[in-house]
Amino acid sequence: MSADTLEKIKSQIAGHSLLLYMKGTPQFPQCGFSSQVSQILKLCQANYAFVNILENPDIRQELPKYANWPTFPQLYLNGTLIGGCDIVTELYESGELHTMLQQAGVTQEKANFVMAE
């Protein structure tokens, strides 16, 4: 695993309370699973950062090893991997996700997102 890429991943996760590694962007997702998770975050009125792994092949290759999670998207809350599309969807449908996001202080009246650096 590349030390530079590992440090970049750790920095991104530590630097954002809510971070979504996805294919594409929230405005133009490049896969259905990424689209679904970004839509759920919008419905929860979440403020989050994202990384387009299609534009970051080093992260796309190394993050699954770091996270021990093979697929994308990957959602992190306060440094902890929440999961991928299935888990995020289940948490949303049960109401748990909204509660988690509110408790973490990452929701507001209107959803907002930024690109992670």
C-alpha atoms as a PDB file:
ATOM      1  CA  MET A   1       0.000   0.000   0.000  1.00  0.00           C
ATOM      2  CA  SER A   2       1.397   3.400  -0.971  1.00  0.00           C
ATOM      3  CA  ALA A   3       2.336   5.402   2.125  1.00  0.00           C
ATOM      4  CA  ASP A   4       1.385   8.700   0.436  1.00  0.00           C
ATOM      5  CA  THR A   5      -2.025   7.392  -0.584  1.00  0.00           C
ATOM      6  CA  LEU A   6      -2.602   5.907   2.866  1.00  0.00           C
ATOM      7  CA  GLU A   7      -1.780   9.253   4.495  1.00  0.00           C
ATOM      8  CA  LYS A   8      -4.090  11.033   2.058  1.00  0.00           C
ATOM      9  CA  ILE A   9      -6.954   8.642   2.901  1.00  0.00           C
ATOM     10  CA  LYS A  10      -6.368   9.024   6.647  1.00  0.00           C
ATOM     11  CA  SER A  11      -6.250  12.812   6.287  1.00  0.00           C
ATOM     12  CA  GLN A  12      -9.482  12.905   4.277  1.00  0.00           C
ATOM     13  CA  ILE A  13     -11.324  10.699   6.761  1.00  0.00           C
ATOM     14  CA  ALA A  14     -10.016  12.663   9.756  1.00  0.00           C
ATOM     15  CA  GLY A  15     -10.680  16.023   8.112  1.00  0.00           C
ATOM     16  CA  HIS A  16     -14.394  15.533   7.428  1.00  0.00           C
ATOM     17  CA  SER A  17     -17.136  14.547   9.840  1.00  0.00           C
ATOM     18  CA  LEU A  18     -19.074  12.908   7.013  1.00  0.00           C
ATOM     19  CA  LEU A  19     -17.212  11.650   3.953  1.00  0.00           C
ATOM     20  CA  LEU A  20     -18.472   9.711   0.961  1.00  0.00           C
ATOM     21  CA  TYR A  21     -16.102   7.892  -1.376  1.00  0.00           C
ATOM     22  CA  MET A  22     -18.135   7.468  -4.534  1.00  0.00           C
ATOM     23  CA  LYS A  23     -18.030   6.958  -8.287  1.00  0.00           C
ATOM     24  CA  GLY A  24     -18.698  10.366  -9.783  1.00  0.00           C
ATOM     25  CA  THR A  25     -20.028  13.388  -7.924  1.00  0.00           C
ATOM     26  CA  PRO A  26     -23.281  14.049  -6.063  1.00  0.00           C
ATOM     27  CA  GLN A  27     -24.477  16.077  -9.064  1.00  0.00           C
ATOM     28  CA  PHE A  28     -23.353  13.431 -11.591  1.00  0.00           C
ATOM     29  CA  PRO A  29     -23.000  10.027  -9.941  1.00  0.00           C
ATOM     30  CA  GLN A  30     -21.435   7.404 -12.189  1.00  0.00           C
ATOM     31  CA  CYS A  31     -23.092   4.346 -10.657  1.00  0.00           C
ATOM     32  CA  GLY A  32     -26.479   3.536  -9.223  1.00  0.00           C
ATOM     33  CA  PHE A  33     -25.154   2.704  -5.763  1.00  0.00           C
ATOM     34  CA  SER A  34     -23.295   6.013  -5.469  1.00  0.00           C
ATOM     35  CA  SER A  35     -26.393   7.805  -6.727  1.00  0.00           C
ATOM     36  CA  GLN A  36     -28.564   6.114  -4.117  1.00  0.00           C
ATOM     37  CA  VAL A  37     -26.282   6.993  -1.202  1.00  0.00           C
ATOM     38  CA  SER A  38     -25.907  10.623  -2.298  1.00  0.00           C
ATOM     39  CA  GLN A  39     -29.730  10.850  -2.637  1.00  0.00           C
ATOM     40  CA  ILE A  40     -30.162   9.429   0.868  1.00  0.00           C
ATOM     41  CA  LEU A  41     -27.716  12.002   2.252  1.00  0.00           C
ATOM     42  CA  LYS A  42     -29.678  14.726   0.473  1.00  0.00           C
ATOM     43  CA  LEU A  43     -32.937  13.435   1.991  1.00  0.00           C
ATOM     44  CA  CYS A  44     -31.265  13.474   5.419  1.00  0.00           C
ATOM     45  CA  GLN A  45     -30.143  17.067   4.757  1.00  0.00           C
ATOM     46  CA  ALA A  46     -26.551  16.102   5.431  1.00  0.00           C
ATOM     47  CA  ASN A  47     -23.453  18.243   5.008  1.00  0.00           C
ATOM     48  CA  TYR A  48     -20.725  16.034   3.649  1.00  0.00           C
ATOM     49  CA  ALA A  49     -17.520  15.852   1.693  1.00  0.00           C
ATOM     50  CA  PHE A  50     -16.995  13.455  -1.175  1.00  0.00           C
ATOM     51  CA  VAL A  51     -14.155  11.950  -3.151  1.00  0.00           C
ATOM     52  CA  ASN A  52     -14.706  10.897  -6.751  1.00  0.00           C
ATOM     53  CA  ILE A  53     -12.682   7.693  -6.876  1.00  0.00           C
ATOM     54  CA  LEU A  54     -12.863   7.660 -10.669  1.00  0.00           C
ATOM     55  CA  GLU A  55     -10.622  10.741 -10.657  1.00  0.00           C
ATOM     56  CA  ASN A  56      -8.417   9.284  -7.902  1.00  0.00           C
ATOM     57  CA  PRO A  57      -7.260   5.845  -9.067  1.00  0.00           C
ATOM     58  CA  ASP A  58      -4.722   5.585  -6.237  1.00  0.00           C
ATOM     59  CA  ILE A  59      -7.504   5.961  -3.657  1.00  0.00           C
ATOM     60  CA  ARG A  60      -9.775   3.642  -5.635  1.00  0.00           C
ATOM     61  CA  GLN A  61      -7.089   0.953  -5.468  1.00  0.00           C
ATOM     62  CA  GLU A  62      -5.938   1.436  -1.871  1.00  0.00           C
ATOM     63  CA  LEU A  63      -9.098   2.344   0.083  1.00  0.00           C
ATOM     64  CA  PRO A  64     -10.634  -1.157  -0.072  1.00  0.00           C
ATOM     65  CA  LYS A  65      -7.461  -2.536   1.532  1.00  0.00           C
ATOM     66  CA  TYR A  66      -7.384   0.186   4.192  1.00  0.00           C
ATOM     67  CA  ALA A  67     -11.077  -0.165   5.023  1.00  0.00           C
ATOM     68  CA  ASN A  68     -11.259  -3.924   4.564  1.00  0.00           C
ATOM     69  CA  TRP A  69     -14.367  -3.132   2.501  1.00  0.00           C
ATOM     70  CA  PRO A  70     -14.177  -4.150  -1.160  1.00  0.00           C
ATOM     71  CA  THR A  71     -16.841  -1.997  -2.816  1.00  0.00           C
ATOM     72  CA  PHE A  72     -17.875   1.602  -3.383  1.00  0.00           C
ATOM     73  CA  PRO A  73     -19.456   3.801  -2.250  1.00  0.00           C
ATOM     74  CA  GLN A  74     -18.068   3.957   1.266  1.00  0.00           C
ATOM     75  CA  LEU A  75     -19.536   6.326   3.849  1.00  0.00           C
ATOM     76  CA  TYR A  76     -17.534   7.460   6.878  1.00  0.00           C
ATOM     77  CA  LEU A  77     -18.979   9.248   9.913  1.00  0.00           C
ATOM     78  CA  ASN A  78     -16.557  10.729  12.430  1.00  0.00           C
ATOM     79  CA  GLY A  79     -13.746   8.516  11.169  1.00  0.00           C
ATOM     80  CA  THR A  80     -15.735   5.279  11.229  1.00  0.00           C
ATOM     81  CA  LEU A  81     -16.847   3.346   8.177  1.00  0.00           C
ATOM     82  CA  ILE A  82     -20.647   3.165   8.201  1.00  0.00           C
ATOM     83  CA  GLY A  83     -20.763   0.954   5.119  1.00  0.00           C
ATOM     84  CA  GLY A  84     -21.831   0.869   1.524  1.00  0.00           C
ATOM     85  CA  CYS A  85     -25.114   1.298  -0.265  1.00  0.00           C
ATOM     86  CA  ASP A  86     -26.987  -1.625   1.316  1.00  0.00           C
ATOM     87  CA  ILE A  87     -26.098  -0.684   4.883  1.00  0.00           C
ATOM     88  CA  VAL A  88     -26.722   3.039   4.347  1.00  0.00           C
ATOM     89  CA  THR A  89     -30.099   2.223   2.767  1.00  0.00           C
ATOM     90  CA  GLU A  90     -31.071  -0.054   5.669  1.00  0.00           C
ATOM     91  CA  LEU A  91     -30.040   2.576   8.210  1.00  0.00           C
ATOM     92  CA  TYR A  92     -32.012   5.222   6.318  1.00  0.00           C
ATOM     93  CA  GLU A  93     -35.154   3.083   6.051  1.00  0.00           C
ATOM     94  CA  SER A  94     -35.056   2.289   9.775  1.00  0.00           C
ATOM     95  CA  GLY A  95     -34.544   5.967  10.695  1.00  0.00           C
ATOM     96  CA  GLU A  96     -31.198   5.218  12.333  1.00  0.00           C
ATOM     97  CA  LEU A  97     -29.117   7.080   9.761  1.00  0.00           C
ATOM     98  CA  HIS A  98     -30.938  10.374  10.253  1.00  0.00           C
ATOM     99  CA  THR A  99     -30.522  10.048  14.027  1.00  0.00           C
ATOM    100  CA  MET A 100     -26.811   9.247  13.650  1.00  0.00           C
ATOM    101  CA  LEU A 101     -26.281  12.242  11.371  1.00  0.00           C
ATOM    102  CA  GLN A 102     -28.207  14.592  13.657  1.00  0.00           C
ATOM    103  CA  GLN A 103     -26.262  13.426  16.709  1.00  0.00           C
ATOM    104  CA  ALA A 104     -23.013  13.991  14.807  1.00  0.00           C
ATOM    105  CA  GLY A 105     -24.131  17.526  13.941  1.00  0.00           C
ATOM    106  CA  VAL A 106     -23.839  17.095  10.172  1.00  0.00           C
ATOM    107  CA  THR A 107     -27.399  18.000   9.193  1.00  0.00           C
ATOM    108  CA  GLN A 108     -29.011  21.342   8.427  1.00  0.00           C
ATOM    109  CA  GLU A 109     -32.098  22.710   6.723  1.00  0.00           C
ATOM    110  CA  LYS A 110     -30.625  22.092   3.274  1.00  0.00           C
ATOM    111  CA  ALA A 111     -28.128  19.413   2.259  1.00  0.00           C
ATOM    112  CA  ASN A 112     -24.699  20.582   1.168  1.00  0.00           C
ATOM    113  CA  PHE A 113     -21.573  18.846  -0.060  1.00  0.00           C
ATOM    114  CA  VAL A 114     -17.981  19.738  -0.897  1.00  0.00           C
ATOM    115  CA  MET A 115     -15.150  17.931  -2.609  1.00  0.00           C
ATOM    116  CA  ALA A 116     -12.632  16.556  -0.123  1.00  0.00           C
ATOM    117  CA  GLU A 117      -9.023  17.502  -0.671  1.00  0.00           C
END
